[in-house]
């Protein structure tokens, strides 16, 4: 028993020594992060962008490659146009990072037995028809309360949503370009 304890202590010392050596070499590796405590956060961001670190929303949503591009929802014309177009509907899910807007079931005052639910998925940030996927569901309920839900594949509503969102996105893009020219 005493011999087992002595062997355990000897092995622990050797492992501890190698662990300290490994930590020393890891801490001294200048390529690991190259952090400089005197560097400002702006300088660190710029260095990370130059070195290609960080995440790009365009890469996540399916946009172009290239360098890192940080785009916020307020500067994305497709996103802004979609929200502005659907602003009269109650929204259940609005997820910019996931690229999705989902409305709640909506019915107008004339017919409470029919309601619509719209889903907009962003496939890229480019202003093109194939950058969006719009899904329209229609729920039809009977007076007894039984409801059926149908997918409206080629509905007039879907086509109008595409047209309105793309037109607004083009206008927002033009606004952004004009503001950049003035600055």
N, C-alpha and C. Protein backbone atom coordinates (compact mmCIF):
# COMPACT_ATOMS: atom_id res chain seq x y z
N UNK A 1 0.83 -1.19 0.00
CA UNK A 1 0.00 0.00 0.00
C UNK A 1 0.87 1.25 0.00
N UNK A 2 1.89 1.28 0.85
CA UNK A 2 2.79 2.42 0.95
C UNK A 2 3.55 2.60 -0.37
N UNK A 3 3.92 1.50 -1.01
CA UNK A 3 4.62 1.57 -2.29
C UNK A 3 3.71 2.19 -3.37
N UNK A 4 2.41 1.86 -3.39
CA UNK A 4 1.47 2.43 -4.35
C UNK A 4 1.35 3.94 -4.18
N UNK A 5 1.34 4.40 -2.96
CA UNK A 5 1.24 5.83 -2.68
C UNK A 5 2.50 6.55 -3.18
N UNK A 6 3.69 5.94 -2.93
CA UNK A 6 4.94 6.54 -3.39
C UNK A 6 4.97 6.61 -4.92
N UNK A 7 4.52 5.57 -5.59
CA UNK A 7 4.48 5.57 -7.06
C UNK A 7 3.51 6.64 -7.58
N UNK A 8 2.39 6.78 -6.93
CA UNK A 8 1.40 7.78 -7.32
C UNK A 8 1.98 9.19 -7.18
N UNK A 9 2.66 9.47 -6.10
CA UNK A 9 3.26 10.79 -5.88
C UNK A 9 4.34 11.06 -6.93
N UNK A 10 5.17 10.04 -7.23
CA UNK A 10 6.22 10.21 -8.23
C UNK A 10 5.62 10.51 -9.61
N UNK A 11 4.58 9.77 -10.00
CA UNK A 11 3.92 9.99 -11.28
C UNK A 11 3.26 11.36 -11.31
N UNK A 12 2.65 11.78 -10.21
CA UNK A 12 1.99 13.09 -10.14
C UNK A 12 3.00 14.21 -10.32
N UNK A 13 4.19 14.08 -9.73
CA UNK A 13 5.22 15.11 -9.88
C UNK A 13 5.68 15.22 -11.33
N UNK A 14 5.88 14.08 -12.00
CA UNK A 14 6.33 14.08 -13.38
C UNK A 14 5.25 14.70 -14.28
N UNK A 15 4.00 14.29 -14.08
CA UNK A 15 2.90 14.85 -14.88
C UNK A 15 2.74 16.34 -14.62
N UNK A 16 2.86 16.75 -13.38
CA UNK A 16 2.77 18.17 -13.03
C UNK A 16 3.87 18.98 -13.70
N UNK A 17 5.09 18.42 -13.74
CA UNK A 17 6.21 19.10 -14.38
C UNK A 17 5.93 19.30 -15.87
N UNK A 18 5.46 18.24 -16.55
CA UNK A 18 5.16 18.35 -17.98
C UNK A 18 3.98 19.29 -18.24
N UNK A 19 3.03 19.31 -17.35
CA UNK A 19 1.89 20.22 -17.49
C UNK A 19 2.35 21.68 -17.39
N UNK A 20 3.23 21.98 -16.46
CA UNK A 20 3.75 23.34 -16.31
C UNK A 20 4.56 23.74 -17.53
N UNK A 21 5.38 22.82 -18.04
CA UNK A 21 6.17 23.10 -19.24
C UNK A 21 5.24 23.37 -20.42
N UNK A 22 4.20 22.56 -20.59
CA UNK A 22 3.25 22.74 -21.70
C UNK A 22 2.54 24.08 -21.59
N UNK A 23 2.15 24.46 -20.38
CA UNK A 23 1.49 25.76 -20.19
C UNK A 23 2.45 26.90 -20.49
N UNK A 24 3.71 26.76 -20.13
CA UNK A 24 4.71 27.79 -20.39
C UNK A 24 4.88 28.02 -21.89
N UNK A 25 5.00 26.92 -22.65
CA UNK A 25 5.18 27.05 -24.09
C UNK A 25 3.92 27.58 -24.78
N UNK A 26 2.76 27.20 -24.30
CA UNK A 26 1.52 27.70 -24.86
C UNK A 26 1.36 29.19 -24.60
N UNK A 27 1.72 29.64 -23.41
CA UNK A 27 1.60 31.05 -23.05
C UNK A 27 2.60 31.89 -23.84
N UNK A 28 3.73 31.32 -24.20
CA UNK A 28 4.76 32.07 -24.93
C UNK A 28 4.54 32.07 -26.44
N UNK A 29 3.56 31.35 -26.93
CA UNK A 29 3.30 31.28 -28.36
C UNK A 29 2.69 32.59 -28.83
N UNK A 30 3.46 33.39 -29.57
CA UNK A 30 3.00 34.70 -30.01
C UNK A 30 1.95 34.60 -31.10
N UNK A 31 1.86 33.50 -31.79
CA UNK A 31 0.88 33.35 -32.86
C UNK A 31 -0.48 32.94 -32.33
N UNK A 32 -0.57 32.59 -31.05
CA UNK A 32 -1.84 32.12 -30.52
C UNK A 32 -2.91 33.20 -30.61
N UNK A 33 -2.69 34.40 -30.12
CA UNK A 33 -3.67 35.47 -30.21
C UNK A 33 -3.02 36.80 -30.54
N UNK A 34 -1.75 36.95 -30.21
CA UNK A 34 -1.03 38.19 -30.43
C UNK A 34 -1.76 39.36 -29.79
N UNK A 35 -2.15 39.18 -28.53
CA UNK A 35 -2.87 40.23 -27.83
C UNK A 35 -1.90 41.22 -27.24
N UNK A 36 -2.25 42.47 -27.32
CA UNK A 36 -1.46 43.55 -26.78
C UNK A 36 -2.36 44.32 -25.83
N UNK A 37 -2.07 44.32 -24.53
CA UNK A 37 -2.97 44.98 -23.59
C UNK A 37 -3.08 46.48 -23.84
N UNK A 38 -2.11 47.08 -24.52
CA UNK A 38 -2.17 48.50 -24.78
C UNK A 38 -2.95 48.82 -26.06
N UNK A 39 -3.38 47.81 -26.81
CA UNK A 39 -4.09 48.00 -28.06
C UNK A 39 -5.56 48.32 -27.75
N UNK A 40 -6.11 49.35 -28.40
CA UNK A 40 -7.51 49.73 -28.16
C UNK A 40 -8.43 48.70 -28.80
N UNK A 41 -9.68 48.74 -28.39
CA UNK A 41 -10.64 47.79 -28.95
C UNK A 41 -10.84 48.04 -30.45
N UNK A 42 -10.76 49.29 -30.88
CA UNK A 42 -10.89 49.60 -32.31
C UNK A 42 -9.73 48.97 -33.09
N UNK A 43 -8.52 49.09 -32.55
CA UNK A 43 -7.36 48.51 -33.22
C UNK A 43 -7.48 46.98 -33.28
N UNK A 44 -7.98 46.38 -32.19
CA UNK A 44 -8.16 44.94 -32.17
C UNK A 44 -9.18 44.50 -33.23
N UNK A 45 -10.31 45.26 -33.34
CA UNK A 45 -11.31 44.94 -34.35
C UNK A 45 -10.72 45.02 -35.75
N UNK A 46 -9.98 46.11 -36.00
CA UNK A 46 -9.37 46.29 -37.32
C UNK A 46 -8.38 45.18 -37.63
N UNK A 47 -7.58 44.78 -36.64
CA UNK A 47 -6.62 43.69 -36.83
C UNK A 47 -7.36 42.39 -37.13
N UNK A 48 -8.44 42.12 -36.38
CA UNK A 48 -9.21 40.90 -36.61
C UNK A 48 -9.82 40.89 -38.00
N UNK A 49 -10.29 42.03 -38.48
CA UNK A 49 -10.87 42.10 -39.82
C UNK A 49 -9.79 41.86 -40.86
N UNK A 50 -8.60 42.46 -40.68
CA UNK A 50 -7.50 42.25 -41.63
C UNK A 50 -7.09 40.78 -41.68
N UNK A 51 -7.09 40.13 -40.52
CA UNK A 51 -6.64 38.74 -40.44
C UNK A 51 -7.76 37.75 -40.78
N UNK A 52 -8.97 38.26 -41.04
CA UNK A 52 -10.06 37.37 -41.44
C UNK A 52 -10.73 36.67 -40.30
N UNK A 53 -10.59 37.18 -39.11
CA UNK A 53 -11.27 36.56 -37.96
C UNK A 53 -12.67 37.13 -37.85
N UNK A 54 -13.52 36.47 -37.08
CA UNK A 54 -14.87 36.97 -36.87
C UNK A 54 -15.86 36.26 -37.78
N UNK A 55 -17.13 36.64 -37.67
CA UNK A 55 -18.19 36.02 -38.45
C UNK A 55 -18.84 37.04 -39.35
N UNK A 56 -19.29 36.58 -40.48
CA UNK A 56 -19.96 37.45 -41.45
C UNK A 56 -21.40 37.00 -41.60
N UNK A 57 -22.32 37.93 -41.48
CA UNK A 57 -23.71 37.57 -41.67
C UNK A 57 -23.98 37.14 -43.11
N UNK A 58 -23.26 37.73 -44.05
CA UNK A 58 -23.44 37.30 -45.43
C UNK A 58 -23.08 35.83 -45.59
N UNK A 59 -22.02 35.38 -44.92
CA UNK A 59 -21.64 33.98 -45.01
C UNK A 59 -22.66 33.07 -44.35
N UNK A 60 -23.27 33.57 -43.27
CA UNK A 60 -24.24 32.75 -42.56
C UNK A 60 -25.56 32.64 -43.31
N UNK A 61 -25.97 33.73 -43.96
CA UNK A 61 -27.25 33.74 -44.63
C UNK A 61 -27.14 33.22 -46.04
N UNK A 62 -25.95 33.21 -46.60
CA UNK A 62 -25.77 32.65 -47.93
C UNK A 62 -25.28 33.66 -48.93
N UNK A 63 -24.77 34.78 -48.46
CA UNK A 63 -24.28 35.81 -49.37
C UNK A 63 -22.89 35.50 -49.87
N UNK A 64 -22.29 36.51 -50.47
CA UNK A 64 -20.98 36.35 -51.10
C UNK A 64 -19.87 36.04 -50.12
N UNK A 65 -18.73 35.67 -50.65
CA UNK A 65 -17.58 35.32 -49.82
C UNK A 65 -16.78 36.55 -49.47
N UNK A 66 -15.52 36.56 -49.75
CA UNK A 66 -14.68 37.73 -49.49
C UNK A 66 -14.39 37.90 -48.02
N UNK A 67 -14.08 39.13 -47.65
CA UNK A 67 -13.72 39.44 -46.28
C UNK A 67 -14.92 39.49 -45.37
N UNK A 68 -14.65 39.82 -44.13
CA UNK A 68 -15.69 39.92 -43.13
C UNK A 68 -16.53 41.15 -43.39
N UNK A 69 -17.84 40.99 -43.30
CA UNK A 69 -18.75 42.11 -43.52
C UNK A 69 -19.77 42.11 -42.40
N UNK A 70 -19.75 43.12 -41.56
CA UNK A 70 -20.70 43.24 -40.47
C UNK A 70 -21.85 44.11 -40.96
N UNK A 71 -23.02 43.53 -41.09
CA UNK A 71 -24.17 44.26 -41.57
C UNK A 71 -25.27 44.16 -40.54
N UNK A 72 -25.77 45.29 -40.10
CA UNK A 72 -26.81 45.32 -39.10
C UNK A 72 -28.17 45.38 -39.78
N UNK A 73 -29.20 44.97 -39.08
CA UNK A 73 -30.52 44.90 -39.68
C UNK A 73 -30.99 46.24 -40.21
N UNK A 74 -30.63 47.34 -39.56
CA UNK A 74 -31.08 48.65 -40.02
C UNK A 74 -30.40 49.06 -41.32
N UNK A 75 -29.29 48.44 -41.67
CA UNK A 75 -28.60 48.80 -42.92
C UNK A 75 -28.83 47.77 -44.02
N UNK A 76 -29.63 46.75 -43.77
CA UNK A 76 -29.93 45.73 -44.77
C UNK A 76 -31.25 46.10 -45.46
N UNK A 77 -31.19 46.52 -46.73
CA UNK A 77 -32.41 46.97 -47.39
C UNK A 77 -33.49 45.89 -47.54
N UNK A 78 -33.10 44.65 -47.76
CA UNK A 78 -34.10 43.58 -47.90
C UNK A 78 -34.85 43.36 -46.59
N UNK A 79 -34.11 43.38 -45.50
CA UNK A 79 -34.70 43.19 -44.17
C UNK A 79 -35.65 44.34 -43.86
N UNK A 80 -35.18 45.57 -44.06
CA UNK A 80 -36.00 46.75 -43.76
C UNK A 80 -37.26 46.76 -44.61
N UNK A 81 -37.13 46.45 -45.90
CA UNK A 81 -38.29 46.44 -46.80
C UNK A 81 -39.30 45.38 -46.38
N UNK A 82 -38.84 44.22 -45.95
CA UNK A 82 -39.74 43.15 -45.53
C UNK A 82 -40.50 43.56 -44.27
N UNK A 83 -39.79 44.11 -43.30
CA UNK A 83 -40.46 44.53 -42.07
C UNK A 83 -41.47 45.65 -42.34
N UNK A 84 -41.09 46.58 -43.18
CA UNK A 84 -42.00 47.68 -43.48
C UNK A 84 -43.24 47.18 -44.24
N UNK A 85 -43.06 46.21 -45.11
CA UNK A 85 -44.18 45.66 -45.86
C UNK A 85 -45.13 44.88 -44.96
N UNK A 86 -44.59 44.17 -43.99
CA UNK A 86 -45.40 43.33 -43.11
C UNK A 86 -45.77 44.01 -41.79
N UNK A 87 -45.55 45.31 -41.69
CA UNK A 87 -45.74 45.98 -40.39
C UNK A 87 -47.18 46.02 -39.90
N UNK A 88 -48.16 45.77 -40.76
CA UNK A 88 -49.56 45.77 -40.34
C UNK A 88 -49.97 44.43 -39.73
N UNK A 89 -49.13 43.42 -39.88
CA UNK A 89 -49.43 42.08 -39.37
C UNK A 89 -48.79 41.85 -38.00
N UNK A 90 -49.44 41.07 -37.15
CA UNK A 90 -48.78 40.69 -35.89
C UNK A 90 -47.65 39.69 -36.18
N UNK A 91 -46.46 39.96 -35.65
CA UNK A 91 -45.30 39.12 -35.92
C UNK A 91 -45.03 38.21 -34.73
N UNK A 92 -44.76 36.94 -35.00
CA UNK A 92 -44.43 36.01 -33.92
C UNK A 92 -42.93 35.78 -33.82
N UNK A 93 -42.24 35.74 -34.95
CA UNK A 93 -40.79 35.52 -34.96
C UNK A 93 -40.14 36.52 -35.89
N UNK A 94 -39.17 37.25 -35.34
CA UNK A 94 -38.37 38.17 -36.14
C UNK A 94 -36.92 37.90 -35.74
N UNK A 95 -36.21 37.17 -36.58
CA UNK A 95 -34.86 36.72 -36.25
C UNK A 95 -33.90 37.13 -37.37
N UNK A 96 -33.21 38.23 -37.15
CA UNK A 96 -32.29 38.72 -38.18
C UNK A 96 -31.13 37.76 -38.40
N UNK A 97 -30.55 37.26 -37.30
CA UNK A 97 -29.40 36.37 -37.46
C UNK A 97 -29.79 35.05 -38.13
N UNK A 98 -31.01 34.62 -37.92
CA UNK A 98 -31.49 33.40 -38.57
C UNK A 98 -32.09 33.67 -39.93
N UNK A 99 -32.33 34.95 -40.25
CA UNK A 99 -32.86 35.32 -41.55
C UNK A 99 -34.30 34.91 -41.76
N UNK A 100 -35.16 35.21 -40.76
CA UNK A 100 -36.54 34.75 -40.88
C UNK A 100 -37.50 35.73 -40.21
N UNK A 101 -38.63 35.94 -40.86
CA UNK A 101 -39.75 36.68 -40.29
C UNK A 101 -40.98 35.79 -40.43
N UNK A 102 -41.70 35.59 -39.33
CA UNK A 102 -42.92 34.79 -39.36
C UNK A 102 -44.03 35.62 -38.71
N UNK A 103 -45.15 35.74 -39.42
CA UNK A 103 -46.29 36.47 -38.87
C UNK A 103 -47.18 35.50 -38.10
N UNK A 104 -48.05 36.08 -37.31
CA UNK A 104 -49.08 35.30 -36.64
C UNK A 104 -50.24 35.13 -37.62
N UNK A 105 -51.21 34.30 -37.28
CA UNK A 105 -52.38 34.15 -38.13
C UNK A 105 -53.12 35.48 -38.16
N UNK A 106 -53.49 35.91 -39.35
CA UNK A 106 -54.15 37.21 -39.52
C UNK A 106 -55.40 37.04 -40.37
N UNK A 107 -56.49 37.66 -39.90
CA UNK A 107 -57.71 37.70 -40.70
C UNK A 107 -58.26 39.11 -40.64
N UNK A 108 -58.85 39.53 -41.74
CA UNK A 108 -59.44 40.87 -41.74
C UNK A 108 -60.83 40.81 -41.10
N UNK A 109 -61.43 41.94 -40.96
CA UNK A 109 -62.72 42.02 -40.26
C UNK A 109 -63.86 41.40 -41.04
N UNK A 110 -63.73 41.26 -42.36
CA UNK A 110 -64.85 40.77 -43.17
C UNK A 110 -65.07 39.27 -43.04
N UNK A 111 -64.01 38.49 -42.83
CA UNK A 111 -64.17 37.04 -42.76
C UNK A 111 -63.24 36.48 -41.70
N UNK A 112 -63.78 36.16 -40.57
CA UNK A 112 -62.97 35.63 -39.47
C UNK A 112 -62.71 34.14 -39.60
N UNK A 113 -63.33 33.49 -40.58
CA UNK A 113 -63.13 32.06 -40.76
C UNK A 113 -61.89 31.75 -41.61
N UNK A 114 -61.38 32.76 -42.32
CA UNK A 114 -60.17 32.59 -43.13
C UNK A 114 -59.07 33.47 -42.55
N UNK A 115 -57.87 32.89 -42.43
CA UNK A 115 -56.74 33.68 -41.94
C UNK A 115 -55.47 33.25 -42.68
N UNK A 116 -54.50 34.14 -42.69
CA UNK A 116 -53.24 33.90 -43.40
C UNK A 116 -52.07 33.96 -42.43
N UNK A 117 -51.04 33.22 -42.74
CA UNK A 117 -49.77 33.26 -42.01
C UNK A 117 -48.67 33.33 -43.07
N UNK A 118 -47.75 34.29 -42.90
CA UNK A 118 -46.70 34.51 -43.89
C UNK A 118 -45.35 34.29 -43.26
N UNK A 119 -44.49 33.57 -43.98
CA UNK A 119 -43.11 33.35 -43.56
C UNK A 119 -42.21 33.91 -44.65
N UNK A 120 -41.24 34.73 -44.23
CA UNK A 120 -40.25 35.25 -45.17
C UNK A 120 -38.89 34.74 -44.72
N UNK A 121 -38.20 34.04 -45.60
CA UNK A 121 -36.85 33.54 -45.32
C UNK A 121 -35.87 34.27 -46.22
N UNK A 122 -34.77 34.71 -45.64
CA UNK A 122 -33.75 35.43 -46.39
C UNK A 122 -32.65 34.46 -46.78
N UNK A 123 -32.46 34.29 -48.07
CA UNK A 123 -31.45 33.37 -48.57
C UNK A 123 -30.14 34.09 -48.88
N UNK A 124 -30.22 35.42 -49.09
CA UNK A 124 -29.03 36.23 -49.26
C UNK A 124 -29.41 37.69 -49.04
N UNK A 125 -28.42 38.56 -48.93
CA UNK A 125 -28.66 39.99 -48.74
C UNK A 125 -28.80 40.74 -50.05
N UNK A 126 -28.62 40.07 -51.15
CA UNK A 126 -28.72 40.72 -52.45
C UNK A 126 -30.17 41.00 -52.78
N UNK A 127 -30.40 42.08 -53.51
CA UNK A 127 -31.77 42.46 -53.87
C UNK A 127 -32.13 41.75 -55.17
N UNK A 128 -32.67 40.54 -55.00
CA UNK A 128 -33.09 39.70 -56.12
C UNK A 128 -34.27 38.86 -55.66
N UNK A 129 -35.06 38.42 -56.62
CA UNK A 129 -36.22 37.59 -56.28
C UNK A 129 -35.80 36.30 -55.59
N UNK A 130 -34.71 35.70 -56.04
CA UNK A 130 -34.29 34.43 -55.45
C UNK A 130 -33.56 34.60 -54.11
N UNK A 131 -33.47 35.81 -53.61
CA UNK A 131 -32.88 36.05 -52.30
C UNK A 131 -33.90 35.88 -51.18
N UNK A 132 -35.15 35.79 -51.56
CA UNK A 132 -36.23 35.61 -50.59
C UNK A 132 -36.99 34.33 -50.89
N UNK A 133 -37.52 33.75 -49.83
CA UNK A 133 -38.47 32.65 -49.99
C UNK A 133 -39.67 33.04 -49.15
N UNK A 134 -40.79 33.25 -49.82
CA UNK A 134 -42.01 33.66 -49.14
C UNK A 134 -42.97 32.47 -49.15
N UNK A 135 -43.46 32.13 -47.97
CA UNK A 135 -44.39 31.02 -47.82
C UNK A 135 -45.69 31.58 -47.23
N UNK A 136 -46.80 31.30 -47.87
CA UNK A 136 -48.10 31.78 -47.41
C UNK A 136 -48.97 30.57 -47.09
N UNK A 137 -49.47 30.53 -45.86
CA UNK A 137 -50.41 29.49 -45.44
C UNK A 137 -51.77 30.13 -45.24
N UNK A 138 -52.81 29.39 -45.57
CA UNK A 138 -54.17 29.86 -45.35
C UNK A 138 -54.88 28.86 -44.45
N UNK A 139 -55.51 29.38 -43.41
CA UNK A 139 -56.28 28.53 -42.50
C UNK A 139 -57.76 28.84 -42.72
N UNK A 140 -58.52 27.81 -43.00
CA UNK A 140 -59.96 27.96 -43.21
C UNK A 140 -60.66 27.14 -42.14
N UNK A 141 -61.46 27.83 -41.37
CA UNK A 141 -62.18 27.17 -40.28
C UNK A 141 -63.67 27.14 -40.60
N UNK A 142 -64.31 26.07 -40.20
CA UNK A 142 -65.76 25.97 -40.37
C UNK A 142 -66.43 26.57 -39.14
N UNK A 143 -67.73 26.73 -39.22
CA UNK A 143 -68.48 27.29 -38.10
C UNK A 143 -68.40 26.38 -36.87
N UNK A 144 -68.18 25.08 -37.10
CA UNK A 144 -68.09 24.14 -35.97
C UNK A 144 -66.73 24.20 -35.27
N UNK A 145 -65.75 24.89 -35.88
CA UNK A 145 -64.45 25.03 -35.25
C UNK A 145 -63.35 24.17 -35.86
N UNK A 146 -63.71 23.30 -36.80
CA UNK A 146 -62.72 22.47 -37.47
C UNK A 146 -61.97 23.33 -38.49
N UNK A 147 -60.64 23.25 -38.46
CA UNK A 147 -59.81 24.08 -39.34
C UNK A 147 -58.92 23.22 -40.22
N UNK A 148 -58.68 23.73 -41.43
CA UNK A 148 -57.71 23.08 -42.31
C UNK A 148 -56.72 24.15 -42.76
N UNK A 149 -55.46 23.75 -42.88
CA UNK A 149 -54.40 24.67 -43.27
C UNK A 149 -53.86 24.23 -44.63
N UNK A 150 -53.79 25.20 -45.54
CA UNK A 150 -53.31 24.92 -46.89
C UNK A 150 -52.14 25.83 -47.22
N UNK A 151 -51.22 25.29 -47.99
CA UNK A 151 -50.10 26.07 -48.49
C UNK A 151 -50.53 26.71 -49.81
N UNK A 152 -50.41 28.04 -49.90
CA UNK A 152 -50.77 28.75 -51.13
C UNK A 152 -49.51 28.90 -51.96
N UNK A 153 -49.34 28.01 -52.92
CA UNK A 153 -48.11 27.97 -53.72
C UNK A 153 -47.93 29.20 -54.59
N UNK A 154 -48.83 29.45 -55.51
CA UNK A 154 -48.70 30.56 -56.47
C UNK A 154 -49.83 31.56 -56.27
N UNK A 155 -49.95 32.07 -55.09
CA UNK A 155 -51.04 32.99 -54.80
C UNK A 155 -50.70 34.41 -55.23
N UNK A 156 -51.71 35.20 -55.43
CA UNK A 156 -51.53 36.61 -55.80
C UNK A 156 -50.84 37.35 -54.65
N UNK A 157 -51.15 36.99 -53.42
CA UNK A 157 -50.55 37.63 -52.24
C UNK A 157 -49.03 37.43 -52.25
N UNK A 158 -48.62 36.23 -52.53
CA UNK A 158 -47.19 35.90 -52.56
C UNK A 158 -46.46 36.73 -53.62
N UNK A 159 -47.03 36.80 -54.81
CA UNK A 159 -46.41 37.56 -55.91
C UNK A 159 -46.36 39.05 -55.58
N UNK A 160 -47.43 39.56 -54.97
CA UNK A 160 -47.46 40.98 -54.59
C UNK A 160 -46.42 41.28 -53.50
N UNK A 161 -46.26 40.36 -52.55
CA UNK A 161 -45.25 40.55 -51.51
C UNK A 161 -43.85 40.62 -52.10
N UNK A 162 -43.55 39.71 -53.02
CA UNK A 162 -42.25 39.76 -53.70
C UNK A 162 -42.03 41.13 -54.35
N UNK A 163 -43.03 41.58 -55.10
CA UNK A 163 -42.90 42.84 -55.84
C UNK A 163 -42.71 44.03 -54.90
N UNK A 164 -43.52 44.11 -53.86
CA UNK A 164 -43.46 45.25 -52.94
C UNK A 164 -42.14 45.25 -52.17
N UNK A 165 -41.73 44.10 -51.66
CA UNK A 165 -40.49 44.03 -50.88
C UNK A 165 -39.29 44.40 -51.74
N UNK A 166 -39.23 43.88 -52.96
CA UNK A 166 -38.10 44.18 -53.84
C UNK A 166 -38.07 45.66 -54.24
N UNK A 167 -39.23 46.25 -54.52
CA UNK A 167 -39.28 47.68 -54.86
C UNK A 167 -38.79 48.53 -53.70
N UNK A 168 -39.27 48.22 -52.49
CA UNK A 168 -38.84 48.99 -51.31
C UNK A 168 -37.36 48.79 -51.04
N UNK A 169 -36.88 47.57 -51.24
CA UNK A 169 -35.45 47.31 -51.00
C UNK A 169 -34.59 48.10 -51.96
N UNK A 170 -35.02 48.21 -53.21
CA UNK A 170 -34.27 49.00 -54.19
C UNK A 170 -34.25 50.47 -53.76
N UNK A 171 -35.37 50.98 -53.29
CA UNK A 171 -35.42 52.36 -52.83
C UNK A 171 -34.51 52.59 -51.62
N UNK A 172 -34.53 51.64 -50.67
CA UNK A 172 -33.65 51.76 -49.49
C UNK A 172 -32.19 51.71 -49.89
N UNK A 173 -31.85 50.84 -50.84
CA UNK A 173 -30.47 50.73 -51.32
C UNK A 173 -30.03 52.04 -51.97
N UNK A 174 -30.92 52.62 -52.75
CA UNK A 174 -30.61 53.90 -53.40
C UNK A 174 -30.41 54.99 -52.34
N UNK A 175 -31.27 55.01 -51.31
CA UNK A 175 -31.13 55.96 -50.20
C UNK A 175 -29.76 55.82 -49.54
N UNK A 176 -29.38 54.55 -49.25
CA UNK A 176 -28.09 54.30 -48.60
C UNK A 176 -26.92 54.79 -49.45
N UNK A 177 -26.98 54.55 -50.75
CA UNK A 177 -25.92 55.00 -51.64
C UNK A 177 -25.85 56.52 -51.70
N UNK A 178 -27.02 57.18 -51.73
CA UNK A 178 -27.05 58.64 -51.74
C UNK A 178 -26.47 59.22 -50.46
N UNK A 179 -26.78 58.59 -49.31
CA UNK A 179 -26.22 59.06 -48.03
C UNK A 179 -24.72 58.90 -48.00
N UNK A 180 -24.22 57.79 -48.54
CA UNK A 180 -22.77 57.55 -48.55
C UNK A 180 -22.07 58.56 -49.45
N UNK A 181 -22.71 58.91 -50.57
CA UNK A 181 -22.12 59.91 -51.47
C UNK A 181 -22.02 61.27 -50.80
N UNK A 182 -23.05 61.63 -50.01
CA UNK A 182 -23.04 62.93 -49.33
C UNK A 182 -21.95 62.99 -48.27
N UNK A 183 -21.72 61.85 -47.61
CA UNK A 183 -20.69 61.82 -46.54
C UNK A 183 -19.34 61.67 -47.18
